Amino acid sequence: MNFKTIDDTGRVEGFCIVKSVEKKTSTKGDTYLDFTLSDAAGEINAKLWRYSPAEHGEYNAQDIVKVRGTVSVYGGADQLRIERIRTVYDGDNVNINDLVRSVNYSGEEMFNELITVAKGFSDDELKTIVTAILQDNKEQLLYFPAAFKLHHAVRGGLLMHTLSIVRLCESVAKIYPFIDRELLISGAILHDISKLEEFSVGKFGIADGYTVEGNLLGHLAMGATKVNDYANKLGISRKTSVLLQHMILSHHGEPEFGAAVRPMFIEAEILSELDLMDSRIYEMREAVGSVKADEFSARLWALDNRKLYNHDRKNLDEDTKLF
């Protein structure tokens, strides 16, 4: 977080976006607010103890606020104890680009790359259904994140994650010429398409939680349903539709990770492995990037509760090469 230290006691202050906020009750019976605050440098958990709406004001996800408090380590991660908080006003002259983490590529660039790939398919059914779904969802795709908290949880992250996997698929297809390149890439483009319905995303491109459908159904089930609906509308064969649906339903690999079924053909298996690889590389880079040279991160539950080592042999700030 881009907080600045304001005095000798270590207190900090700065502007940030409320990513999520929940009113809770402490073990002593006091009401407090549990925040996730974010800016372009990252995010932090924050607590406002002994909360009083009359004294402190009321806050919602997507609010831009100014906070002051003290940062300490709790459970291996930084936590901000809020002393003062208020919403911003025009005189603060806040630059939204300082507050919203975004990928370093425009949504239009990434979207156009995917459309170009899909339009180049020789299989007319795959070309038709993939381009139709992309075009119909373009507006949201240009800014949607790929997650609420974990990998690619930044503005434009969904397209970046998707395009990264498509590029990986292209490379794998060159090594294994017996796989169906166009089926594999089609599955890659569509595998997370219903994250557009799964997450509640505000005007800044930040997910502040899950929708009702996201909680009850999830993006795998909704993605398969979307493909089925488009296939029926566009006259796509049942076999092509079912293959794409299976790739979406199985791309989490194992039922314990949310997959409805395990991958049952080669392209589905490759997609599952590449999806896992891209997400883990992103999460590991994020974790190690905040660790000093030759030190370890805290244990990360999303990465099998591992600690990660920063060997400091490469600059982790180097940008991903998409273009």
Protein backbone atom coordinates (compact mmCIF):
# COMPACT_ATOMS: atom_id res chain seq x y z
CA MET A 1 0.00 0.00 0.00
CA ASN A 2 1.18 3.53 -0.78
CA PHE A 3 0.72 4.85 2.74
CA LYS A 4 3.10 7.53 3.98
CA THR A 5 4.52 7.62 7.49
CA ILE A 6 3.40 10.81 9.23
CA ASP A 7 5.15 10.79 12.62
CA ASP A 8 7.79 9.13 14.81
CA THR A 9 5.30 6.62 16.22
CA GLY A 10 4.96 4.92 12.85
CA ARG A 11 1.46 6.09 12.08
CA VAL A 12 0.58 6.15 8.39
CA GLU A 13 -2.09 7.72 6.23
CA GLY A 14 -3.19 7.65 2.63
CA PHE A 15 -6.01 7.34 0.14
CA CYS A 16 -7.45 3.99 -0.89
CA ILE A 17 -10.53 2.22 -2.18
CA VAL A 18 -12.82 0.16 0.03
CA LYS A 19 -12.72 -3.22 -1.66
CA SER A 20 -14.98 -4.81 0.95
CA VAL A 21 -16.36 -3.89 4.36
CA GLU A 22 -18.26 -5.94 6.91
CA LYS A 23 -19.73 -4.97 10.28
CA LYS A 24 -18.77 -7.48 12.98
CA THR A 25 -18.89 -7.96 16.75
CA SER A 26 -15.75 -8.52 18.83
CA THR A 27 -15.41 -11.08 21.61
CA LYS A 28 -16.04 -8.22 24.04
CA GLY A 29 -19.33 -7.39 22.36
CA ASP A 30 -18.09 -4.22 20.62
CA THR A 31 -19.04 -3.44 17.03
CA TYR A 32 -16.18 -3.00 14.57
CA LEU A 33 -15.68 -2.71 10.81
CA ASP A 34 -13.52 -5.25 8.97
CA PHE A 35 -12.17 -3.70 5.75
CA THR A 36 -10.17 -4.81 2.77
CA LEU A 37 -8.56 -1.63 1.46
CA SER A 38 -6.68 -1.39 -1.83
CA ASP A 39 -4.65 0.96 -3.98
CA ALA A 40 -2.43 0.53 -7.02
CA ALA A 41 0.33 -0.99 -4.86
CA GLY A 42 -1.76 -3.74 -3.28
CA GLU A 43 -4.29 -4.34 -0.54
CA ILE A 44 -4.43 -4.64 3.23
CA ASN A 45 -6.85 -5.85 5.88
CA ALA A 46 -7.95 -3.05 8.20
CA LYS A 47 -9.95 -2.88 11.41
CA LEU A 48 -11.93 0.05 12.78
CA TRP A 49 -12.54 -0.89 16.41
CA ARG A 50 -15.44 0.35 18.54
CA TYR A 51 -17.23 1.54 15.47
CA SER A 52 -19.88 4.25 15.76
CA PRO A 53 -21.74 5.39 12.62
CA ALA A 54 -22.33 8.82 14.16
CA GLU A 55 -18.63 9.27 14.94
CA HIS A 56 -16.96 7.50 12.04
CA GLY A 57 -19.49 7.64 9.20
CA GLU A 58 -20.79 4.80 7.03
CA TYR A 59 -18.86 3.05 4.27
CA ASN A 60 -19.55 0.78 1.33
CA ALA A 61 -17.52 -1.16 -1.20
CA GLN A 62 -16.10 1.07 -3.97
CA ASP A 63 -15.94 4.14 -1.68
CA ILE A 64 -12.71 6.15 -1.91
CA VAL A 65 -11.49 7.02 1.58
CA LYS A 66 -8.62 8.64 3.43
CA VAL A 67 -7.38 6.65 6.41
CA ARG A 68 -4.90 7.13 9.23
CA GLY A 69 -3.66 4.44 11.57
CA THR A 70 -0.94 2.00 12.55
CA VAL A 71 0.24 -1.05 10.63
CA SER A 72 1.19 -4.21 12.52
CA VAL A 73 1.68 -7.84 11.58
CA TYR A 74 -1.13 -10.27 12.36
CA GLY A 75 -1.14 -13.88 11.22
CA GLY A 76 1.90 -13.27 9.06
CA ALA A 77 0.31 -10.40 7.12
CA ASP A 78 0.13 -6.64 7.54
CA GLN A 79 -3.00 -5.24 9.17
CA LEU A 80 -4.03 -1.62 9.59
CA ARG A 81 -5.60 -0.43 12.82
CA ILE A 82 -7.68 2.56 11.72
CA GLU A 83 -7.68 5.64 13.93
CA ARG A 84 -9.36 8.06 11.54
CA ILE A 85 -11.30 7.56 8.32
CA ARG A 86 -13.37 9.72 6.01
CA THR A 87 -14.62 9.75 2.42
CA VAL A 88 -12.74 11.96 -0.02
CA TYR A 89 -13.91 15.30 -1.34
CA ASP A 90 -12.99 17.25 -4.48
CA GLY A 91 -10.28 19.22 -2.74
CA ASP A 92 -8.28 16.02 -2.13
CA ASN A 93 -7.44 15.88 -5.86
CA VAL A 94 -7.18 12.09 -5.81
CA ASN A 95 -5.83 10.47 -8.99
CA ILE A 96 -7.78 7.27 -9.57
CA ASN A 97 -4.78 5.75 -11.37
CA ASP A 98 -2.93 5.80 -8.04
CA LEU A 99 -5.66 3.70 -6.45
CA VAL A 100 -6.63 1.06 -8.99
CA ARG A 101 -4.27 -1.77 -9.85
CA SER A 102 -4.43 -2.45 -13.57
CA VAL A 103 -2.62 -4.64 -16.05
CA ASN A 104 -0.11 -2.80 -18.21
CA TYR A 105 -2.04 -3.40 -21.42
CA SER A 106 -5.25 -1.85 -22.69
CA GLY A 107 -8.39 -3.95 -22.71
CA GLU A 108 -8.80 -3.18 -26.40
CA GLU A 109 -5.34 -4.58 -27.21
CA MET A 110 -5.99 -7.84 -25.42
CA PHE A 111 -9.55 -8.22 -26.69
CA ASN A 112 -8.52 -7.60 -30.30
CA GLU A 113 -5.80 -10.25 -30.00
CA LEU A 114 -8.35 -12.85 -28.88
CA ILE A 115 -10.81 -11.88 -31.63
CA THR A 116 -8.06 -12.13 -34.24
CA VAL A 117 -7.12 -15.61 -33.03
CA ALA A 118 -10.74 -16.80 -33.03
CA LYS A 119 -11.49 -15.36 -36.47
CA GLY A 120 -8.48 -17.25 -37.81
CA PHE A 121 -9.94 -20.66 -36.92
CA SER A 122 -10.56 -23.02 -39.83
CA ASP A 123 -13.33 -24.76 -37.84
CA ASP A 124 -16.44 -22.70 -38.63
CA GLU A 125 -18.33 -23.84 -35.54
CA LEU A 126 -15.57 -22.85 -33.14
CA LYS A 127 -15.04 -19.58 -34.98
CA THR A 128 -18.75 -18.76 -34.83
CA ILE A 129 -19.42 -19.52 -31.18
CA VAL A 130 -16.18 -18.07 -29.75
CA THR A 131 -16.38 -14.80 -31.69
CA ALA A 132 -20.09 -14.39 -30.84
CA ILE A 133 -19.51 -14.85 -27.10
CA LEU A 134 -16.52 -12.51 -27.13
CA GLN A 135 -18.33 -9.77 -29.04
CA ASP A 136 -21.47 -9.96 -26.90
CA ASN A 137 -19.42 -9.59 -23.71
CA LYS A 138 -16.83 -7.08 -24.92
CA GLU A 139 -17.82 -4.16 -22.70
CA GLN A 140 -17.31 -6.09 -19.45
CA LEU A 141 -14.28 -8.01 -20.68
CA LEU A 142 -12.36 -4.79 -21.23
CA TYR A 143 -12.09 -4.07 -17.50
CA PHE A 144 -13.07 -7.17 -15.48
CA PRO A 145 -10.64 -8.72 -12.97
CA ALA A 146 -10.08 -12.48 -12.96
CA ALA A 147 -10.64 -12.94 -9.24
CA PHE A 148 -11.83 -11.36 -6.02
CA LYS A 149 -8.61 -11.82 -4.04
CA LEU A 150 -6.22 -14.24 -5.70
CA HIS A 151 -4.67 -14.38 -9.17
CA HIS A 152 -5.13 -11.46 -11.59
CA ALA A 153 -7.46 -9.65 -9.18
CA VAL A 154 -6.79 -6.34 -10.95
CA ARG A 155 -8.51 -4.20 -13.56
CA GLY A 156 -8.17 -6.03 -16.90
CA GLY A 157 -6.95 -9.18 -15.16
CA LEU A 158 -9.50 -11.50 -16.78
CA LEU A 159 -8.33 -10.70 -20.32
CA MET A 160 -4.68 -10.86 -19.26
CA HIS A 161 -5.14 -14.30 -17.69
CA THR A 162 -7.10 -15.51 -20.72
CA LEU A 163 -4.61 -14.20 -23.25
CA SER A 164 -1.68 -15.63 -21.27
CA ILE A 165 -3.23 -19.09 -21.44
CA VAL A 166 -4.00 -18.72 -25.15
CA ARG A 167 -0.33 -17.91 -25.74
CA LEU A 168 0.68 -20.97 -23.72
CA CYS A 169 -1.75 -23.10 -25.73
CA GLU A 170 -0.15 -21.91 -28.97
CA SER A 171 3.25 -23.06 -27.73
CA VAL A 172 1.98 -26.42 -26.49
CA ALA A 173 0.25 -27.05 -29.83
CA LYS A 174 3.58 -26.64 -31.63
CA ILE A 175 5.20 -29.29 -29.43
CA TYR A 176 2.27 -31.75 -29.63
CA PRO A 177 0.89 -31.56 -33.20
CA PHE A 178 -1.63 -34.34 -32.52
CA ILE A 179 -3.74 -32.14 -30.24
CA ASP A 180 -6.66 -30.11 -31.59
CA ARG A 181 -5.18 -26.59 -31.44
CA GLU A 182 -8.42 -24.77 -32.20
CA LEU A 183 -10.45 -26.73 -29.67
CA LEU A 184 -7.78 -26.14 -27.03
CA ILE A 185 -7.65 -22.39 -27.69
CA SER A 186 -11.44 -22.13 -27.80
CA GLY A 187 -11.64 -23.71 -24.37
CA ALA A 188 -8.95 -21.33 -23.13
CA ILE A 189 -10.82 -18.26 -24.37
CA LEU A 190 -14.12 -19.39 -22.85
CA HIS A 191 -13.02 -21.17 -19.67
CA ASP A 192 -13.57 -18.17 -17.35
CA ILE A 193 -16.18 -16.29 -19.40
CA SER A 194 -18.83 -16.51 -16.69
CA LYS A 195 -16.67 -14.80 -14.13
CA LEU A 196 -18.51 -11.85 -15.68
CA GLU A 197 -21.61 -13.12 -13.85
CA GLU A 198 -19.82 -14.59 -10.84
CA PHE A 199 -18.27 -11.42 -9.43
CA SER A 200 -19.79 -8.14 -8.32
CA VAL A 201 -17.52 -5.59 -10.00
CA GLY A 202 -17.84 -1.83 -9.61
CA LYS A 203 -16.92 1.10 -11.83
CA PHE A 204 -13.23 0.86 -10.98
CA GLY A 205 -12.88 -2.72 -12.20
CA ILE A 206 -12.45 -4.13 -8.69
CA ALA A 207 -14.42 -7.15 -7.47
CA ASP A 208 -16.05 -6.43 -4.12
CA GLY A 209 -17.61 -9.87 -3.70
CA TYR A 210 -19.71 -12.53 -5.38
CA THR A 211 -23.12 -12.19 -6.97
CA VAL A 212 -26.03 -14.38 -5.87
CA GLU A 213 -25.51 -16.50 -8.99
CA GLY A 214 -21.79 -16.61 -8.34
CA ASN A 215 -22.32 -17.99 -4.86
CA LEU A 216 -25.05 -20.46 -5.82
CA LEU A 217 -23.77 -21.68 -9.19
CA GLY A 218 -20.17 -20.58 -9.82
CA HIS A 219 -18.50 -19.65 -13.10
CA LEU A 220 -17.94 -23.24 -14.25
CA ALA A 221 -21.63 -24.17 -14.25
CA MET A 222 -22.70 -20.80 -15.62
CA GLY A 223 -20.02 -20.94 -18.33
CA ALA A 224 -21.18 -24.35 -19.51
CA THR A 225 -24.78 -23.12 -19.58
CA LYS A 226 -23.76 -20.07 -21.59
CA VAL A 227 -21.99 -22.21 -24.17
CA ASN A 228 -25.01 -24.50 -24.40
CA ASP A 229 -27.34 -21.53 -24.93
CA TYR A 230 -25.16 -20.00 -27.63
CA ALA A 231 -24.71 -23.35 -29.35
CA ASN A 232 -28.48 -23.84 -29.54
CA LYS A 233 -29.01 -20.30 -30.82
CA LEU A 234 -26.23 -20.48 -33.43
CA GLY A 235 -26.90 -24.02 -34.65
CA ILE A 236 -23.61 -25.43 -33.34
CA SER A 237 -23.43 -29.23 -33.31
CA ARG A 238 -24.09 -31.04 -30.05
CA LYS A 239 -20.62 -32.61 -30.06
CA THR A 240 -18.78 -29.30 -30.34
CA SER A 241 -20.98 -27.80 -27.65
CA VAL A 242 -20.42 -30.69 -25.25
CA LEU A 243 -16.64 -30.65 -25.77
CA LEU A 244 -16.47 -26.95 -24.91
CA GLN A 245 -18.79 -27.39 -21.94
CA HIS A 246 -16.64 -30.22 -20.60
CA MET A 247 -13.49 -28.09 -20.84
CA ILE A 248 -15.17 -25.36 -18.80
CA LEU A 249 -16.61 -27.77 -16.21
CA SER A 250 -13.30 -29.60 -15.75
CA HIS A 251 -10.69 -26.84 -15.92
CA HIS A 252 -10.21 -26.73 -12.14
CA GLY A 253 -8.86 -30.26 -12.43
CA GLU A 254 -10.15 -31.92 -9.30
CA PRO A 255 -13.56 -31.84 -7.55
CA GLU A 256 -11.87 -30.62 -4.35
CA PHE A 257 -10.85 -27.48 -6.29
CA GLY A 258 -14.31 -26.93 -7.73
CA ALA A 259 -14.26 -28.99 -10.91
CA ALA A 260 -17.60 -30.60 -11.76
CA VAL A 261 -15.75 -33.46 -13.49
CA ARG A 262 -12.12 -34.34 -14.08
CA PRO A 263 -10.68 -33.63 -17.57
CA MET A 264 -11.54 -36.55 -19.86
CA PHE A 265 -9.70 -35.71 -23.08
CA ILE A 266 -6.26 -34.32 -23.89
CA GLU A 267 -7.24 -30.71 -24.64
CA ALA A 268 -9.26 -30.50 -21.42
CA GLU A 269 -6.28 -31.80 -19.43
CA ILE A 270 -3.89 -29.32 -21.05
CA LEU A 271 -6.25 -26.41 -20.36
CA SER A 272 -6.56 -27.42 -16.71
CA GLU A 273 -2.79 -27.63 -16.27
CA LEU A 274 -2.10 -24.33 -18.04
CA ASP A 275 -4.81 -22.55 -16.05
CA LEU A 276 -3.26 -23.78 -12.81
CA MET A 277 0.25 -22.83 -13.96
CA ASP A 278 -0.68 -19.29 -14.99
CA SER A 279 -2.61 -18.62 -11.79
CA ARG A 280 0.17 -19.97 -9.57
CA ILE A 281 2.93 -18.08 -11.36
CA TYR A 282 0.98 -14.87 -10.82
CA GLU A 283 0.32 -15.62 -7.14
CA MET A 284 3.94 -16.61 -6.50
CA ARG A 285 5.26 -13.50 -8.18
CA GLU A 286 2.94 -11.36 -6.07
CA ALA A 287 3.98 -13.08 -2.86
CA VAL A 288 7.73 -13.07 -3.50
CA GLY A 289 7.65 -9.51 -4.82
CA SER A 290 6.93 -8.20 -1.33
CA VAL A 291 9.73 -10.22 0.31
CA LYS A 292 13.28 -8.98 0.79
CA ALA A 293 16.16 -10.77 -0.94
CA ASP A 294 17.09 -14.13 0.63
CA GLU A 295 14.03 -14.15 2.87
CA PHE A 296 10.82 -16.18 2.92
CA SER A 297 7.20 -15.10 2.63
CA ALA A 298 4.56 -15.98 5.18
CA ARG A 299 2.77 -19.27 4.57
CA LEU A 300 0.24 -18.95 1.75
CA TRP A 301 -2.91 -21.04 2.08
CA ALA A 302 -3.69 -20.63 -1.63
CA LEU A 303 -0.35 -22.28 -2.46
CA ASP A 304 -0.63 -25.36 -0.27
CA ASN A 305 0.43 -23.42 2.82
CA ARG A 306 3.96 -23.03 1.46
CA LYS A 307 6.49 -20.35 2.33
CA LEU A 308 8.18 -18.88 -0.77
CA TYR A 309 11.84 -17.91 -1.07
CA ASN A 310 13.09 -14.80 -2.86
CA HIS A 311 16.39 -15.85 -4.46
CA ASP A 312 16.71 -12.36 -5.99
CA ARG A 313 18.25 -13.61 -9.25
CA LYS A 314 15.68 -11.85 -11.46
CA ASN A 315 13.80 -8.57 -11.35
CA LEU A 316 10.22 -9.50 -10.49
CA ASP A 317 9.03 -6.07 -11.64
CA GLU A 318 9.72 -6.95 -15.28
CA ASP A 319 6.43 -6.89 -17.15
CA THR A 320 4.72 -9.93 -18.63
CA LYS A 321 5.49 -10.09 -22.36
CA LEU A 322 2.08 -10.19 -24.02
CA PHE A 323 2.84 -7.80 -26.88
